[in-house]
N, C-alpha and C. Protein backbone atom coordinates (compact mmCIF):
# COMPACT_ATOMS: atom_id res chain seq x y z
N UNK A 1 -11.99 5.15 -86.86
CA UNK A 1 -13.37 5.11 -86.42
C UNK A 1 -13.49 5.80 -85.07
N UNK A 2 -14.66 6.34 -84.78
CA UNK A 2 -14.86 7.14 -83.57
C UNK A 2 -14.58 6.36 -82.29
N UNK A 3 -15.02 5.13 -82.23
CA UNK A 3 -14.79 4.33 -81.03
C UNK A 3 -13.31 4.10 -80.81
N UNK A 4 -12.61 3.69 -81.85
CA UNK A 4 -11.17 3.43 -81.73
C UNK A 4 -10.37 4.69 -81.44
N UNK A 5 -10.87 5.83 -81.89
CA UNK A 5 -10.20 7.11 -81.65
C UNK A 5 -10.59 7.72 -80.30
N UNK A 6 -11.35 6.97 -79.51
CA UNK A 6 -11.80 7.41 -78.18
C UNK A 6 -12.59 8.71 -78.26
N UNK A 7 -13.42 8.83 -79.29
CA UNK A 7 -14.24 10.02 -79.48
C UNK A 7 -15.56 9.95 -78.72
N UNK A 8 -15.85 8.81 -78.11
CA UNK A 8 -17.08 8.63 -77.34
C UNK A 8 -16.78 8.95 -75.88
N UNK A 9 -17.56 9.85 -75.30
CA UNK A 9 -17.33 10.20 -73.90
C UNK A 9 -18.63 10.66 -73.25
N UNK A 10 -18.55 10.95 -71.97
CA UNK A 10 -19.70 11.40 -71.18
C UNK A 10 -20.89 10.45 -71.31
N UNK A 11 -20.63 9.16 -71.16
CA UNK A 11 -21.69 8.16 -71.23
C UNK A 11 -22.39 8.11 -69.88
N UNK A 12 -23.72 8.32 -69.90
CA UNK A 12 -24.49 8.33 -68.66
C UNK A 12 -25.79 7.57 -68.86
N UNK A 13 -26.22 6.90 -67.80
CA UNK A 13 -27.51 6.22 -67.84
C UNK A 13 -28.42 6.82 -66.80
N UNK A 14 -29.63 7.16 -67.23
CA UNK A 14 -30.67 7.65 -66.34
C UNK A 14 -31.93 6.87 -66.65
N UNK A 15 -32.30 5.99 -65.75
CA UNK A 15 -33.48 5.16 -66.00
C UNK A 15 -33.29 4.29 -67.22
N UNK A 16 -34.20 4.44 -68.20
CA UNK A 16 -34.11 3.62 -69.41
C UNK A 16 -33.40 4.34 -70.55
N UNK A 17 -32.71 5.44 -70.24
CA UNK A 17 -32.06 6.24 -71.27
C UNK A 17 -30.55 6.31 -71.04
N UNK A 18 -29.79 6.04 -72.10
CA UNK A 18 -28.33 6.17 -72.07
C UNK A 18 -27.96 7.27 -73.06
N UNK A 19 -27.20 8.25 -72.59
CA UNK A 19 -26.74 9.31 -73.48
C UNK A 19 -25.22 9.30 -73.53
N UNK A 20 -24.70 9.72 -74.67
CA UNK A 20 -23.25 9.81 -74.85
C UNK A 20 -22.96 10.93 -75.84
N UNK A 21 -21.75 11.46 -75.75
CA UNK A 21 -21.29 12.49 -76.67
C UNK A 21 -20.24 11.86 -77.57
N UNK A 22 -20.34 12.16 -78.87
CA UNK A 22 -19.38 11.65 -79.85
C UNK A 22 -18.80 12.84 -80.60
N UNK A 23 -17.48 12.95 -80.57
CA UNK A 23 -16.80 14.02 -81.31
C UNK A 23 -16.48 13.53 -82.71
N UNK A 24 -17.06 14.17 -83.71
CA UNK A 24 -16.79 13.87 -85.11
C UNK A 24 -16.42 15.16 -85.81
N UNK A 25 -16.95 15.37 -87.01
CA UNK A 25 -16.75 16.65 -87.67
C UNK A 25 -17.42 17.75 -86.86
N UNK A 26 -18.43 17.37 -86.11
CA UNK A 26 -19.09 18.21 -85.10
C UNK A 26 -19.21 17.34 -83.85
N UNK A 27 -19.75 17.90 -82.80
CA UNK A 27 -20.01 17.12 -81.60
C UNK A 27 -21.49 16.74 -81.61
N UNK A 28 -21.75 15.44 -81.48
CA UNK A 28 -23.12 14.93 -81.56
C UNK A 28 -23.49 14.22 -80.26
N UNK A 29 -24.78 14.24 -79.95
CA UNK A 29 -25.29 13.52 -78.80
C UNK A 29 -26.11 12.33 -79.28
N UNK A 30 -25.77 11.17 -78.76
CA UNK A 30 -26.48 9.94 -79.08
C UNK A 30 -27.29 9.54 -77.85
N UNK A 31 -28.53 9.16 -78.07
CA UNK A 31 -29.39 8.69 -77.00
C UNK A 31 -29.91 7.30 -77.35
N UNK A 32 -29.73 6.38 -76.43
CA UNK A 32 -30.24 5.02 -76.58
C UNK A 32 -31.34 4.82 -75.55
N UNK A 33 -32.42 4.19 -75.95
CA UNK A 33 -33.50 3.85 -75.03
C UNK A 33 -33.47 2.34 -74.85
N UNK A 34 -33.38 1.91 -73.60
CA UNK A 34 -33.21 0.49 -73.32
C UNK A 34 -34.32 -0.03 -72.41
N UNK A 35 -34.61 -1.30 -72.58
CA UNK A 35 -35.55 -1.99 -71.70
C UNK A 35 -35.00 -3.38 -71.49
N UNK A 36 -34.79 -3.75 -70.25
CA UNK A 36 -34.20 -5.05 -69.91
C UNK A 36 -32.88 -5.24 -70.65
N UNK A 37 -32.08 -4.19 -70.69
CA UNK A 37 -30.76 -4.18 -71.33
C UNK A 37 -30.79 -4.44 -72.83
N UNK A 38 -31.94 -4.26 -73.46
CA UNK A 38 -32.04 -4.35 -74.92
C UNK A 38 -32.39 -2.96 -75.46
N UNK A 39 -31.72 -2.53 -76.50
CA UNK A 39 -31.97 -1.22 -77.09
C UNK A 39 -33.23 -1.30 -77.96
N UNK A 40 -34.21 -0.42 -77.70
CA UNK A 40 -35.41 -0.42 -78.53
C UNK A 40 -35.55 0.84 -79.37
N UNK A 41 -34.70 1.85 -79.14
CA UNK A 41 -34.72 3.04 -79.98
C UNK A 41 -33.39 3.77 -79.80
N UNK A 42 -32.95 4.45 -80.87
CA UNK A 42 -31.72 5.24 -80.81
C UNK A 42 -31.94 6.54 -81.58
N UNK A 43 -31.33 7.61 -81.07
CA UNK A 43 -31.35 8.88 -81.79
C UNK A 43 -29.95 9.48 -81.76
N UNK A 44 -29.69 10.34 -82.73
CA UNK A 44 -28.43 11.07 -82.78
C UNK A 44 -28.74 12.45 -83.34
N UNK A 45 -27.97 13.43 -82.94
CA UNK A 45 -28.20 14.79 -83.40
C UNK A 45 -27.53 15.09 -84.74
N UNK A 46 -26.91 14.09 -85.37
CA UNK A 46 -26.25 14.32 -86.66
C UNK A 46 -27.28 14.39 -87.80
N UNK A 47 -26.90 15.01 -88.92
CA UNK A 47 -27.83 15.13 -90.06
C UNK A 47 -28.26 13.79 -90.65
N UNK A 48 -27.39 12.81 -90.65
CA UNK A 48 -27.73 11.50 -91.22
C UNK A 48 -28.85 10.84 -90.41
N UNK A 49 -28.74 10.89 -89.10
CA UNK A 49 -29.77 10.29 -88.24
C UNK A 49 -31.07 11.08 -88.31
N UNK A 50 -30.98 12.38 -88.60
CA UNK A 50 -32.19 13.19 -88.73
C UNK A 50 -33.07 12.71 -89.88
N UNK A 51 -32.49 11.97 -90.81
CA UNK A 51 -33.25 11.39 -91.93
C UNK A 51 -33.88 10.05 -91.56
N UNK A 52 -33.71 9.65 -90.29
CA UNK A 52 -34.29 8.39 -89.83
C UNK A 52 -33.40 7.19 -89.98
N UNK A 53 -32.13 7.42 -90.25
CA UNK A 53 -31.17 6.33 -90.45
C UNK A 53 -30.35 6.09 -89.19
N UNK A 54 -29.80 4.89 -89.06
CA UNK A 54 -28.82 4.63 -88.01
C UNK A 54 -27.48 5.15 -88.52
N UNK A 55 -26.69 5.74 -87.63
CA UNK A 55 -25.46 6.40 -88.05
C UNK A 55 -24.23 5.79 -87.37
N UNK A 56 -23.07 6.22 -87.84
CA UNK A 56 -21.80 5.73 -87.31
C UNK A 56 -21.58 6.17 -85.86
N UNK A 57 -22.21 7.27 -85.44
CA UNK A 57 -22.08 7.72 -84.06
C UNK A 57 -22.80 6.75 -83.12
N UNK A 58 -23.96 6.26 -83.55
CA UNK A 58 -24.69 5.26 -82.77
C UNK A 58 -23.87 3.99 -82.64
N UNK A 59 -23.26 3.56 -83.73
CA UNK A 59 -22.42 2.36 -83.71
C UNK A 59 -21.26 2.55 -82.73
N UNK A 60 -20.64 3.72 -82.75
CA UNK A 60 -19.52 3.98 -81.84
C UNK A 60 -19.96 3.88 -80.38
N UNK A 61 -21.13 4.40 -80.07
CA UNK A 61 -21.63 4.31 -78.69
C UNK A 61 -21.93 2.86 -78.32
N UNK A 62 -22.54 2.11 -79.23
CA UNK A 62 -22.81 0.70 -78.96
C UNK A 62 -21.52 -0.07 -78.70
N UNK A 63 -20.48 0.22 -79.47
CA UNK A 63 -19.19 -0.44 -79.26
C UNK A 63 -18.59 -0.05 -77.91
N UNK A 64 -18.73 1.21 -77.53
CA UNK A 64 -18.22 1.66 -76.24
C UNK A 64 -18.95 0.96 -75.10
N UNK A 65 -20.26 0.79 -75.24
CA UNK A 65 -21.03 0.08 -74.22
C UNK A 65 -20.64 -1.38 -74.16
N UNK A 66 -20.43 -1.99 -75.31
CA UNK A 66 -20.00 -3.38 -75.37
C UNK A 66 -18.66 -3.56 -74.67
N UNK A 67 -17.83 -2.53 -74.74
CA UNK A 67 -16.51 -2.56 -74.13
C UNK A 67 -16.56 -2.24 -72.63
N UNK A 68 -17.75 -1.95 -72.11
CA UNK A 68 -17.90 -1.70 -70.69
C UNK A 68 -17.60 -0.28 -70.25
N UNK A 69 -17.73 0.69 -71.16
CA UNK A 69 -17.40 2.06 -70.80
C UNK A 69 -18.48 2.75 -69.98
N UNK A 70 -19.66 2.17 -69.87
CA UNK A 70 -20.70 2.74 -69.02
C UNK A 70 -20.44 2.27 -67.60
N UNK A 71 -20.19 3.20 -66.73
CA UNK A 71 -19.94 2.87 -65.34
C UNK A 71 -21.24 3.02 -64.57
N UNK A 72 -21.82 1.90 -64.18
CA UNK A 72 -23.05 1.93 -63.40
C UNK A 72 -22.76 2.48 -62.02
N UNK A 73 -23.63 3.37 -61.55
CA UNK A 73 -23.48 3.88 -60.19
C UNK A 73 -24.09 2.89 -59.22
N UNK A 74 -23.43 2.64 -58.11
CA UNK A 74 -24.00 1.71 -57.14
C UNK A 74 -25.29 2.27 -56.56
N UNK A 75 -26.25 1.39 -56.34
CA UNK A 75 -27.51 1.82 -55.74
C UNK A 75 -27.29 2.10 -54.26
N UNK A 76 -27.94 3.14 -53.78
CA UNK A 76 -27.84 3.50 -52.36
C UNK A 76 -29.24 3.57 -51.79
N UNK A 77 -29.31 3.69 -50.48
CA UNK A 77 -30.62 3.80 -49.85
C UNK A 77 -31.07 5.25 -49.73
N UNK A 78 -30.36 6.16 -50.39
CA UNK A 78 -30.77 7.56 -50.41
C UNK A 78 -30.14 8.42 -49.34
N UNK A 79 -29.31 7.84 -48.50
CA UNK A 79 -28.67 8.68 -47.49
C UNK A 79 -27.17 8.53 -47.59
N UNK A 80 -26.49 9.60 -47.27
CA UNK A 80 -25.03 9.55 -47.27
C UNK A 80 -24.55 8.89 -46.00
N UNK A 81 -23.46 8.18 -46.10
CA UNK A 81 -22.91 7.49 -44.93
C UNK A 81 -21.59 8.12 -44.54
N UNK A 82 -21.40 8.23 -43.26
CA UNK A 82 -20.13 8.75 -42.75
C UNK A 82 -19.24 7.57 -42.39
N UNK A 83 -18.02 7.86 -42.08
CA UNK A 83 -17.11 6.79 -41.70
C UNK A 83 -17.59 6.11 -40.42
N UNK A 84 -18.31 6.82 -39.55
CA UNK A 84 -18.84 6.21 -38.32
C UNK A 84 -19.91 5.17 -38.66
N UNK A 85 -20.72 5.45 -39.69
CA UNK A 85 -21.74 4.47 -40.11
C UNK A 85 -21.10 3.18 -40.58
N UNK A 86 -19.98 3.30 -41.27
CA UNK A 86 -19.31 2.13 -41.82
C UNK A 86 -18.70 1.29 -40.72
N UNK A 87 -18.14 1.95 -39.71
CA UNK A 87 -17.54 1.22 -38.59
C UNK A 87 -18.62 0.64 -37.71
């Protein structure tokens, strides 16, 4: 399976959208739309999902997220800090 074969990579979150790349017979992009950490829509660039179905690539991304593979970036106040700021 794609998740077990570590075929899911480049997982990124921007606002309410999570995107990931899944390597299968082709390389596909999966997009999850989330609200309050609940998925309300999913898309994939594979032919099966183009028919309006949920696909194995989506499942692989969900499993990767469940496993904690999405690394949340720490929130900042918008400015870079130097070592002098920290001291």
